[in-house]
């Protein structure tokens, strides 16, 4: 991969990324209280269910906050995926292998790893059940199982359909095996769109977002903007500008592009300015006829068919069965089926020795690595306090960060919390900048594996 800067300049960017940070959170206002680094010398058995971004980050921090605790991490995956890098892999800027590291290389010292899958939670008996060890008891439990992609919720579409008949999905991966087919499929999809446009016919490209919470909220916008920029001859695939031959339609089940009013307004204006872009709001994808190339939406109770030449799908998302079928899941309201947490303390609303973190949370905040990183900081304080039977001192205010790649070499860093804009740096947060792109592309993967996953940032 060709670097855009010399070593000295990259070193300067690295210092900026470490001191401030990009896509995984560097907000100075993320928690209501300053991180006080309380610790507990008490002995306790702490079980962490899940070893993705949230599970690994919190394991490292809890290890320091509770040095005498027995910490058990339960996750079946040998390999760990850097999922934010899948966009750059699809764009031809990363190799697929760049986003993978052995799970063992990130496991904190003193943390026991059970290479198993959680089957069920039984908080009444302070235990869970795994596929190999059976019953595992705990004093404290941290649920970090993440979310799963439910392609089958769309009639006519399942995993086997992705990569055929001009259907792509960047999200297609297997976190247990540590493999990701989505970037390769999407990379080929980009190339096929360009080949089709060269033939001279107008090409219809449809992108769809679901009604469920979305992990990686800005991915459809990334695909939209980067594909259009590729057609202009930018990026790794150089060539003539043929973008006017491609008509893009972004269908959203909601009426927003991003979950923050200020960013949503700015992005809607940017999308509207593109002559070959259109949007369909309040359109939920219900079925796909992959042979006829027709997508059917529920548009406010009205069935609407939309023909396409190429389709990119962001799948509906849900919590894994182990959580959904347990007493830890919310059983009513907007977060039904997700972990039933207090959004500020991350403690379960019913079981005081159980906490949740990351994508599995029933929360108004975004599903992102930035959110998980800030939640891990809050968790570090709150678990130590809970062990000491003290009030929980730290509060998560809903900080998240969504990088939106508006073209090759430019990116909006959308940082916000429940109150709106929450930028780390005093710059217009709605303006695409080269600095965010360069940090994201060249440094954040290193920061992720070497600092965030080790609880150092």
Protein backbone atom coordinates (compact mmCIF):
# COMPACT_ATOMS: atom_id res chain seq x y z
CA UNK A 1 0.00 0.00 0.00
CA UNK A 2 1.38 3.39 -0.95
CA UNK A 3 1.68 5.84 1.93
CA UNK A 4 0.88 9.47 1.27
CA UNK A 5 3.35 10.90 3.76
CA UNK A 6 6.98 10.43 4.67
CA UNK A 7 7.94 8.78 7.98
CA UNK A 8 8.42 12.04 9.92
CA UNK A 9 4.98 13.31 9.00
CA UNK A 10 3.37 9.96 9.81
CA UNK A 11 5.07 10.08 13.22
CA UNK A 12 3.53 13.49 13.82
CA UNK A 13 0.13 12.14 12.84
CA UNK A 14 0.64 9.20 15.19
CA UNK A 15 1.22 11.55 18.11
CA UNK A 16 -1.94 13.44 17.17
CA UNK A 17 -3.93 10.21 16.94
CA UNK A 18 -2.68 8.99 20.31
CA UNK A 19 -3.13 12.32 22.02
CA UNK A 20 -6.51 13.10 20.59
CA UNK A 21 -7.90 10.32 18.45
CA UNK A 22 -10.31 9.51 15.75
CA UNK A 23 -12.77 6.75 15.21
CA UNK A 24 -12.51 5.10 18.60
CA UNK A 25 -13.14 8.05 20.76
CA UNK A 26 -11.07 10.78 22.18
CA UNK A 27 -13.85 12.98 23.44
CA UNK A 28 -12.82 14.92 26.52
CA UNK A 29 -16.44 14.91 27.67
CA UNK A 30 -17.27 11.24 27.29
CA UNK A 31 -17.91 10.53 30.95
CA UNK A 32 -19.75 12.68 33.45
CA UNK A 33 -16.91 12.28 35.94
CA UNK A 34 -13.20 12.31 35.26
CA UNK A 35 -11.64 8.87 35.20
CA UNK A 36 -10.46 8.55 38.79
CA UNK A 37 -8.78 5.18 38.36
CA UNK A 38 -10.31 3.63 41.50
CA UNK A 39 -9.34 0.04 42.10
CA UNK A 40 -10.36 -2.81 44.33
CA UNK A 41 -7.96 -5.21 46.03
CA UNK A 42 -10.83 -7.59 46.78
CA UNK A 43 -10.98 -11.05 45.31
CA UNK A 44 -13.85 -11.78 42.95
CA UNK A 45 -14.66 -13.94 39.94
CA UNK A 46 -15.38 -11.68 36.97
CA UNK A 47 -16.62 -13.28 33.76
CA UNK A 48 -16.58 -11.38 30.45
CA UNK A 49 -18.82 -12.89 27.78
CA UNK A 50 -17.46 -11.85 24.39
CA UNK A 51 -14.03 -11.03 23.01
CA UNK A 52 -14.65 -8.43 20.32
CA UNK A 53 -13.77 -4.75 20.60
CA UNK A 54 -15.81 -4.20 23.77
CA UNK A 55 -14.80 -7.43 25.50
CA UNK A 56 -11.07 -7.08 24.88
CA UNK A 57 -10.94 -3.39 25.76
CA UNK A 58 -12.78 -3.89 29.05
CA UNK A 59 -10.76 -7.00 29.96
CA UNK A 60 -7.53 -5.01 29.89
CA UNK A 61 -8.99 -2.21 31.99
CA UNK A 62 -10.64 -4.50 34.56
CA UNK A 63 -7.35 -6.38 34.94
CA UNK A 64 -5.74 -3.17 36.21
CA UNK A 65 -8.74 -2.03 38.25
CA UNK A 66 -9.10 -5.38 40.04
CA UNK A 67 -5.61 -6.91 40.33
CA UNK A 68 -6.70 -9.68 42.70
CA UNK A 69 -9.76 -10.72 40.76
CA UNK A 70 -10.01 -13.91 38.74
CA UNK A 71 -10.98 -12.72 35.25
CA UNK A 72 -12.35 -15.13 32.68
CA UNK A 73 -12.91 -14.11 29.06
CA UNK A 74 -15.24 -16.35 27.06
CA UNK A 75 -14.98 -16.08 23.27
CA UNK A 76 -14.69 -18.78 20.59
CA UNK A 77 -12.66 -16.86 18.01
CA UNK A 78 -8.97 -17.57 17.36
CA UNK A 79 -8.72 -14.41 15.27
CA UNK A 80 -9.80 -10.85 15.97
CA UNK A 81 -11.19 -8.66 13.18
CA UNK A 82 -10.62 -4.93 12.93
CA UNK A 83 -14.03 -4.34 11.41
CA UNK A 84 -13.72 -0.57 10.72
CA UNK A 85 -10.95 -1.46 8.27
CA UNK A 86 -13.37 -3.36 6.05
CA UNK A 87 -14.33 -0.13 4.28
CA UNK A 88 -10.71 0.50 3.31
CA UNK A 89 -10.31 -3.13 2.22
CA UNK A 90 -13.34 -2.80 -0.03
CA UNK A 91 -11.89 0.41 -1.48
CA UNK A 92 -8.65 -1.38 -2.35
CA UNK A 93 -6.53 0.47 0.22
CA UNK A 94 -6.03 -2.44 2.65
CA UNK A 95 -5.42 -6.11 2.07
CA UNK A 96 -8.09 -8.24 3.76
CA UNK A 97 -5.35 -9.77 5.94
CA UNK A 98 -4.44 -6.32 7.30
CA UNK A 99 -7.57 -6.37 9.46
CA UNK A 100 -6.84 -9.62 11.31
CA UNK A 101 -4.76 -10.39 14.40
CA UNK A 102 -4.59 -13.51 16.62
CA UNK A 103 -6.87 -13.25 19.63
CA UNK A 104 -4.06 -14.61 21.80
CA UNK A 105 -1.86 -11.61 20.95
CA UNK A 106 -4.33 -9.22 22.61
CA UNK A 107 -5.27 -11.30 25.64
CA UNK A 108 -4.24 -9.37 28.79
CA UNK A 109 -1.80 -11.04 31.18
CA UNK A 110 -3.63 -12.77 33.99
CA UNK A 111 -6.88 -13.16 32.08
CA UNK A 112 -8.02 -16.74 31.50
CA UNK A 113 -9.39 -17.41 28.03
CA UNK A 114 -12.13 -19.99 27.53
CA UNK A 115 -12.38 -20.68 23.82
CA UNK A 116 -16.09 -21.38 24.04
CA UNK A 117 -19.50 -20.00 23.11
CA UNK A 118 -22.08 -18.76 25.60
CA UNK A 119 -25.40 -20.56 25.26
CA UNK A 120 -27.54 -19.04 28.01
CA UNK A 121 -27.47 -16.64 30.98
CA UNK A 122 -29.02 -17.49 34.35
CA UNK A 123 -28.55 -14.36 36.48
CA UNK A 124 -30.76 -15.76 39.27
CA UNK A 125 -28.02 -18.29 40.03
CA UNK A 126 -25.13 -15.96 39.06
CA UNK A 127 -24.12 -18.29 36.27
CA UNK A 128 -24.09 -18.85 32.53
CA UNK A 129 -23.89 -21.93 30.37
CA UNK A 130 -21.24 -22.47 27.68
CA UNK A 131 -21.00 -25.12 24.98
CA UNK A 132 -17.98 -26.87 26.50
CA UNK A 133 -17.68 -26.11 30.22
CA UNK A 134 -21.38 -26.10 30.95
CA UNK A 135 -22.26 -24.05 34.02
CA UNK A 136 -19.87 -21.19 34.83
CA UNK A 137 -20.49 -19.15 37.98
CA UNK A 138 -19.48 -15.54 38.59
CA UNK A 139 -19.50 -12.78 41.15
CA UNK A 140 -19.69 -10.15 38.42
CA UNK A 141 -20.65 -10.57 34.78
CA UNK A 142 -19.88 -8.28 31.83
CA UNK A 143 -21.88 -9.07 28.68
CA UNK A 144 -20.03 -8.03 25.51
CA UNK A 145 -21.42 -10.42 22.90
CA UNK A 146 -21.95 -7.79 20.21
CA UNK A 147 -24.70 -8.11 17.62
CA UNK A 148 -25.44 -10.50 14.79
CA UNK A 149 -26.49 -9.85 11.20
CA UNK A 150 -29.94 -11.12 10.34
CA UNK A 151 -29.95 -11.27 6.52
CA UNK A 152 -32.71 -13.88 6.64
CA UNK A 153 -35.15 -11.25 7.95
CA UNK A 154 -35.28 -9.98 4.35
CA UNK A 155 -37.38 -12.36 2.27
CA UNK A 156 -35.45 -13.82 -0.65
CA UNK A 157 -32.09 -12.82 0.82
CA UNK A 158 -29.72 -14.96 2.84
CA UNK A 159 -25.96 -15.19 3.15
CA UNK A 160 -25.70 -17.41 0.06
CA UNK A 161 -27.20 -14.61 -2.06
CA UNK A 162 -24.45 -12.13 -1.17
CA UNK A 163 -21.87 -11.94 -3.93
CA UNK A 164 -24.21 -13.19 -6.65
CA UNK A 165 -26.54 -11.41 -9.07
CA UNK A 166 -24.99 -8.00 -8.33
CA UNK A 167 -25.81 -8.11 -4.60
CA UNK A 168 -23.14 -7.02 -2.11
CA UNK A 169 -22.87 -6.39 1.62
CA UNK A 170 -19.73 -5.05 3.25
CA UNK A 171 -20.90 -6.51 6.56
CA UNK A 172 -20.60 -10.15 5.53
CA UNK A 173 -18.05 -11.69 7.90
CA UNK A 174 -17.57 -14.52 10.36
CA UNK A 175 -16.11 -13.20 13.59
CA UNK A 176 -15.67 -16.72 15.02
CA UNK A 177 -13.49 -17.83 12.09
CA UNK A 178 -11.95 -14.37 11.73
CA UNK A 179 -12.86 -14.13 8.06
CA UNK A 180 -14.52 -11.31 6.14
CA UNK A 181 -15.92 -11.90 2.64
CA UNK A 182 -17.81 -8.60 2.56
CA UNK A 183 -14.86 -6.40 1.57
CA UNK A 184 -13.81 -8.68 -1.30
CA UNK A 185 -17.38 -8.95 -2.57
CA UNK A 186 -17.88 -5.18 -2.34
CA UNK A 187 -14.54 -4.53 -4.07
CA UNK A 188 -15.68 -6.69 -7.00
CA UNK A 189 -19.09 -4.99 -6.89
CA UNK A 190 -17.40 -1.59 -7.32
CA UNK A 191 -15.48 -2.93 -10.31
CA UNK A 192 -18.59 -4.45 -11.89
CA UNK A 193 -20.47 -1.14 -11.57
CA UNK A 194 -17.67 0.62 -13.42
CA UNK A 195 -17.60 -2.03 -16.15
CA UNK A 196 -21.35 -1.73 -16.59
CA UNK A 197 -21.18 2.08 -16.80
CA UNK A 198 -18.50 1.85 -19.49
CA UNK A 199 -20.95 0.07 -21.76
CA UNK A 200 -22.90 3.30 -22.05
CA UNK A 201 -26.17 2.37 -20.35
CA UNK A 202 -27.45 4.15 -17.26
CA UNK A 203 -26.77 2.02 -14.19
CA UNK A 204 -29.09 1.96 -11.17
CA UNK A 205 -27.35 1.38 -7.84
CA UNK A 206 -29.50 0.86 -4.75
CA UNK A 207 -28.26 0.90 -1.15
CA UNK A 208 -30.48 -0.04 1.78
CA UNK A 209 -30.33 0.48 5.57
CA UNK A 210 -32.60 -1.43 8.00
CA UNK A 211 -35.03 -0.32 10.70
CA UNK A 212 -32.92 -1.91 13.46
CA UNK A 213 -29.99 -0.27 15.26
CA UNK A 214 -27.00 -0.19 12.90
CA UNK A 215 -23.43 -1.12 13.73
CA UNK A 216 -21.19 1.19 11.72
CA UNK A 217 -23.91 3.73 11.09
CA UNK A 218 -22.11 5.50 8.25
CA UNK A 219 -21.19 2.48 6.11
CA UNK A 220 -23.87 3.01 3.45
CA UNK A 221 -22.74 6.62 3.11
CA UNK A 222 -19.13 5.43 2.75
CA UNK A 223 -20.14 3.02 -0.02
CA UNK A 224 -22.22 5.72 -1.71
CA UNK A 225 -19.55 8.43 -1.71
CA UNK A 226 -16.52 6.22 -2.42
CA UNK A 227 -18.19 4.34 -5.27
CA UNK A 228 -19.18 7.65 -6.89
CA UNK A 229 -15.63 8.95 -6.45
CA UNK A 230 -14.21 5.79 -8.04
CA UNK A 231 -16.44 6.41 -11.05
CA UNK A 232 -14.85 9.85 -11.31
CA UNK A 233 -11.50 8.12 -11.79
CA UNK A 234 -10.18 8.62 -8.25
CA UNK A 235 -8.84 6.03 -5.85
CA UNK A 236 -6.82 2.94 -6.84
CA UNK A 237 -8.87 2.37 -10.01
CA UNK A 238 -7.88 5.20 -12.29
CA UNK A 239 -9.88 5.92 -15.41
CA UNK A 240 -12.27 8.23 -17.20
CA UNK A 241 -14.99 10.10 -15.33
CA UNK A 242 -18.18 8.12 -15.97
CA UNK A 243 -20.04 8.87 -12.72
CA UNK A 244 -22.89 10.63 -14.57
CA UNK A 245 -23.91 7.27 -16.06
CA UNK A 246 -24.66 5.85 -12.60
CA UNK A 247 -27.73 6.80 -10.56
CA UNK A 248 -27.45 6.06 -6.84
CA UNK A 249 -30.44 5.66 -4.53
CA UNK A 250 -30.01 5.35 -0.77
CA UNK A 251 -33.06 3.84 0.97
CA UNK A 252 -33.30 4.39 4.72
CA UNK A 253 -35.87 2.80 7.03
CA UNK A 254 -35.62 5.94 9.15
CA UNK A 255 -35.95 9.59 8.13
CA UNK A 256 -32.33 10.43 8.94
CA UNK A 257 -28.88 9.77 7.49
CA UNK A 258 -27.14 9.93 10.87
CA UNK A 259 -28.37 9.87 14.45
CA UNK A 260 -27.41 13.44 15.29
CA UNK A 261 -29.51 16.34 14.00
CA UNK A 262 -26.59 18.61 13.13
CA UNK A 263 -24.65 15.98 11.20
CA UNK A 264 -27.83 14.67 9.60
CA UNK A 265 -28.66 18.13 8.24
CA UNK A 266 -25.15 18.62 6.86
CA UNK A 267 -25.06 15.18 5.21
CA UNK A 268 -28.52 15.57 3.67
CA UNK A 269 -27.35 18.83 2.11
CA UNK A 270 -24.21 17.14 0.78
CA UNK A 271 -26.15 14.20 -0.68
CA UNK A 272 -28.77 16.50 -2.24
CA UNK A 273 -26.01 18.43 -4.01
CA UNK A 274 -25.02 15.36 -6.04
CA UNK A 275 -27.00 15.25 -9.28
CA UNK A 276 -26.79 11.46 -9.51
CA UNK A 277 -27.86 10.83 -5.88
CA UNK A 278 -31.40 10.37 -4.56
CA UNK A 279 -32.82 9.22 -1.23
CA UNK A 280 -35.83 7.23 -0.10
CA UNK A 281 -36.60 7.87 3.56
CA UNK A 282 -38.94 5.73 5.70
CA UNK A 283 -38.44 2.82 3.29
CA UNK A 284 -37.79 -0.51 5.02
CA UNK A 285 -36.46 -3.32 2.82
CA UNK A 286 -38.74 -6.34 3.14
CA UNK A 287 -37.82 -8.62 0.25
CA UNK A 288 -35.46 -8.99 -2.69
CA UNK A 289 -36.04 -10.85 -5.94
CA UNK A 290 -32.41 -11.42 -6.88
CA UNK A 291 -33.29 -12.90 -10.28
CA UNK A 292 -35.57 -10.05 -11.39
CA UNK A 293 -33.40 -7.49 -9.53
CA UNK A 294 -36.31 -5.91 -7.71
CA UNK A 295 -36.31 -4.76 -4.07
CA UNK A 296 -39.61 -4.40 -2.24
CA UNK A 297 -39.99 -1.86 0.56
CA UNK A 298 -42.57 -1.03 3.19
CA UNK A 299 -43.02 2.72 2.72
CA UNK A 300 -45.32 3.80 5.52
CA UNK A 301 -47.56 0.77 5.11
CA UNK A 302 -47.45 0.93 1.31
CA UNK A 303 -45.68 -1.78 -0.68
CA UNK A 304 -43.19 -0.26 -3.12
CA UNK A 305 -41.06 -2.09 -5.68
CA UNK A 306 -37.73 -0.55 -6.71
CA UNK A 307 -35.79 -2.07 -9.63
CA UNK A 308 -32.01 -1.97 -9.52
CA UNK A 309 -28.93 -3.12 -11.41
CA UNK A 310 -26.72 -3.34 -8.33
CA UNK A 311 -27.76 -3.66 -4.68
CA UNK A 312 -25.83 -3.13 -1.44
CA UNK A 313 -27.55 -4.30 1.75
CA UNK A 314 -26.90 -3.32 5.33
CA UNK A 315 -28.56 -6.24 7.15
CA UNK A 316 -31.03 -5.98 10.03
CA UNK A 317 -29.20 -6.46 13.32
CA UNK A 318 -30.13 -8.12 16.60
CA UNK A 319 -28.60 -9.44 19.80
CA UNK A 320 -27.43 -13.09 19.75
CA UNK A 321 -29.84 -15.83 20.84
CA UNK A 322 -27.98 -16.35 24.11
CA UNK A 323 -28.96 -12.84 25.21
CA UNK A 324 -32.36 -12.52 23.51
CA UNK A 325 -33.67 -15.70 25.18
CA UNK A 326 -32.40 -14.79 28.65
CA UNK A 327 -33.66 -12.69 31.59
CA UNK A 328 -30.99 -10.10 30.77
CA UNK A 329 -32.84 -8.91 27.66
CA UNK A 330 -35.38 -6.10 27.69
CA UNK A 331 -38.81 -7.64 27.16
CA UNK A 332 -40.69 -4.53 26.09
CA UNK A 333 -40.14 -1.07 24.63
CA UNK A 334 -37.84 0.17 21.88
CA UNK A 335 -34.91 -1.96 23.09
CA UNK A 336 -36.76 -5.28 23.25
CA UNK A 337 -34.33 -8.16 22.83
CA UNK A 338 -31.22 -6.12 23.65
CA UNK A 339 -29.32 -5.99 26.96
CA UNK A 340 -31.47 -4.13 29.48
CA UNK A 341 -28.97 -1.66 30.91
CA UNK A 342 -29.04 1.68 32.62
CA UNK A 343 -27.67 3.80 29.77
CA UNK A 344 -25.42 5.85 32.04
CA UNK A 345 -23.91 3.34 34.48
CA UNK A 346 -24.11 0.34 32.07
CA UNK A 347 -25.40 -1.77 34.97
CA UNK A 348 -28.33 -4.11 34.33
CA UNK A 349 -31.63 -2.64 35.49
CA UNK A 350 -32.50 -5.72 37.56
CA UNK A 351 -29.28 -7.58 38.37
CA UNK A 352 -26.78 -5.32 40.14
CA UNK A 353 -23.75 -7.55 39.55
CA UNK A 354 -24.28 -7.69 35.79
CA UNK A 355 -23.06 -5.06 33.31
CA UNK A 356 -23.26 -4.68 29.54
CA UNK A 357 -20.97 -3.05 27.01
CA UNK A 358 -20.75 -2.50 23.27
CA UNK A 359 -23.16 -3.35 20.48
CA UNK A 360 -25.35 -5.57 22.64
CA UNK A 361 -26.65 -2.67 24.72
CA UNK A 362 -30.21 -1.50 24.40
CA UNK A 363 -29.28 2.16 24.03
CA UNK A 364 -30.02 5.33 22.11
CA UNK A 365 -26.27 5.72 21.53
CA UNK A 366 -24.59 4.51 18.37
CA UNK A 367 -22.98 1.11 17.88
CA UNK A 368 -19.34 1.98 17.30
CA UNK A 369 -15.82 1.26 18.46
CA UNK A 370 -15.76 4.79 19.88
CA UNK A 371 -18.79 4.03 22.04
CA UNK A 372 -17.29 0.73 23.24
CA UNK A 373 -13.99 2.40 24.08
CA UNK A 374 -15.67 5.08 26.21
CA UNK A 375 -17.94 2.51 27.84
CA UNK A 376 -14.86 0.48 28.81
CA UNK A 377 -13.45 3.51 30.63
CA UNK A 378 -16.72 3.95 32.51
CA UNK A 379 -16.85 0.23 33.26
CA UNK A 380 -13.35 0.28 34.74
CA UNK A 381 -14.45 2.72 37.42
CA UNK A 382 -17.86 1.20 38.01
CA UNK A 383 -16.79 -2.44 38.39
CA UNK A 384 -14.16 -1.42 40.95
CA UNK A 385 -16.77 0.59 42.85
CA UNK A 386 -19.28 -2.26 42.72
CA UNK A 387 -16.70 -4.65 44.15
CA UNK A 388 -16.25 -2.22 47.04
CA UNK A 389 -20.04 -1.90 47.40
CA UNK A 390 -19.83 1.82 46.71
CA UNK A 391 -22.00 4.04 44.47
CA UNK A 392 -21.03 3.86 40.81
CA UNK A 393 -18.96 7.00 40.09
CA UNK A 394 -18.76 7.11 36.26
CA UNK A 395 -21.50 7.90 33.79
CA UNK A 396 -21.52 7.20 30.05
CA UNK A 397 -23.06 10.16 28.23
CA UNK A 398 -23.63 8.44 24.92
CA UNK A 399 -20.48 9.50 23.07
CA UNK A 400 -19.97 7.88 19.69
CA UNK A 401 -17.92 8.64 16.60
CA UNK A 402 -18.83 7.85 13.01
CA UNK A 403 -16.25 8.48 10.29
CA UNK A 404 -17.99 9.33 7.00
CA UNK A 405 -15.67 9.06 4.00
CA UNK A 406 -17.02 11.66 1.58
CA UNK A 407 -14.41 10.98 -1.13
CA UNK A 408 -10.92 9.53 -1.41
CA UNK A 409 -8.77 11.69 0.82
CA UNK A 410 -11.59 13.43 2.73
CA UNK A 411 -13.58 12.40 5.77
CA UNK A 412 -16.09 13.85 8.21
CA UNK A 413 -15.47 12.78 11.80
CA UNK A 414 -18.99 12.79 13.23
CA UNK A 415 -18.54 12.86 17.02
CA UNK A 416 -21.66 13.28 19.11
CA UNK A 417 -23.49 12.26 22.25
CA UNK A 418 -27.12 12.36 23.39
CA UNK A 419 -27.04 16.16 23.42
CA UNK A 420 -25.62 16.65 19.93
CA UNK A 421 -22.16 17.63 18.65
CA UNK A 422 -19.25 16.54 20.87
CA UNK A 423 -16.10 17.18 18.80
CA UNK A 424 -12.66 16.48 20.21
CA UNK A 425 -11.04 19.35 18.32
CA UNK A 426 -12.26 22.97 17.81
CA UNK A 427 -12.95 22.57 14.08
CA UNK A 428 -16.18 22.70 12.11
CA UNK A 429 -17.27 19.09 12.70
CA UNK A 430 -19.42 18.91 9.55
CA UNK A 431 -16.55 19.73 7.19
CA UNK A 432 -14.69 16.85 5.46
CA UNK A 433 -10.96 17.04 6.17
CA UNK A 434 -7.87 15.32 4.88
CA UNK A 435 -6.43 14.95 8.40
CA UNK A 436 -9.25 12.64 9.54
CA UNK A 437 -8.82 10.51 6.43
CA UNK A 438 -5.07 10.19 6.89
CA UNK A 439 -5.31 9.30 10.59
CA UNK A 440 -8.11 6.84 9.91
CA UNK A 441 -6.38 5.16 6.98
CA UNK A 442 -2.78 5.09 8.20
CA UNK A 443 -2.87 5.13 11.99
CA UNK A 444 -6.12 4.03 13.58
CA UNK A 445 -5.60 0.34 12.92
CA UNK A 446 -2.28 0.54 14.78
CA UNK A 447 -3.92 2.50 17.60
CA UNK A 448 -6.72 -0.07 17.78
CA UNK A 449 -4.53 -3.16 18.10
CA UNK A 450 -1.72 -1.63 20.18
CA UNK A 451 -3.51 0.80 22.48
CA UNK A 452 -7.29 0.46 22.60
CA UNK A 453 -7.34 -3.35 22.78
CA UNK A 454 -4.76 -3.13 25.57
CA UNK A 455 -6.80 -0.65 27.60
CA UNK A 456 -4.19 2.08 27.15
CA UNK A 457 -6.42 4.60 25.38
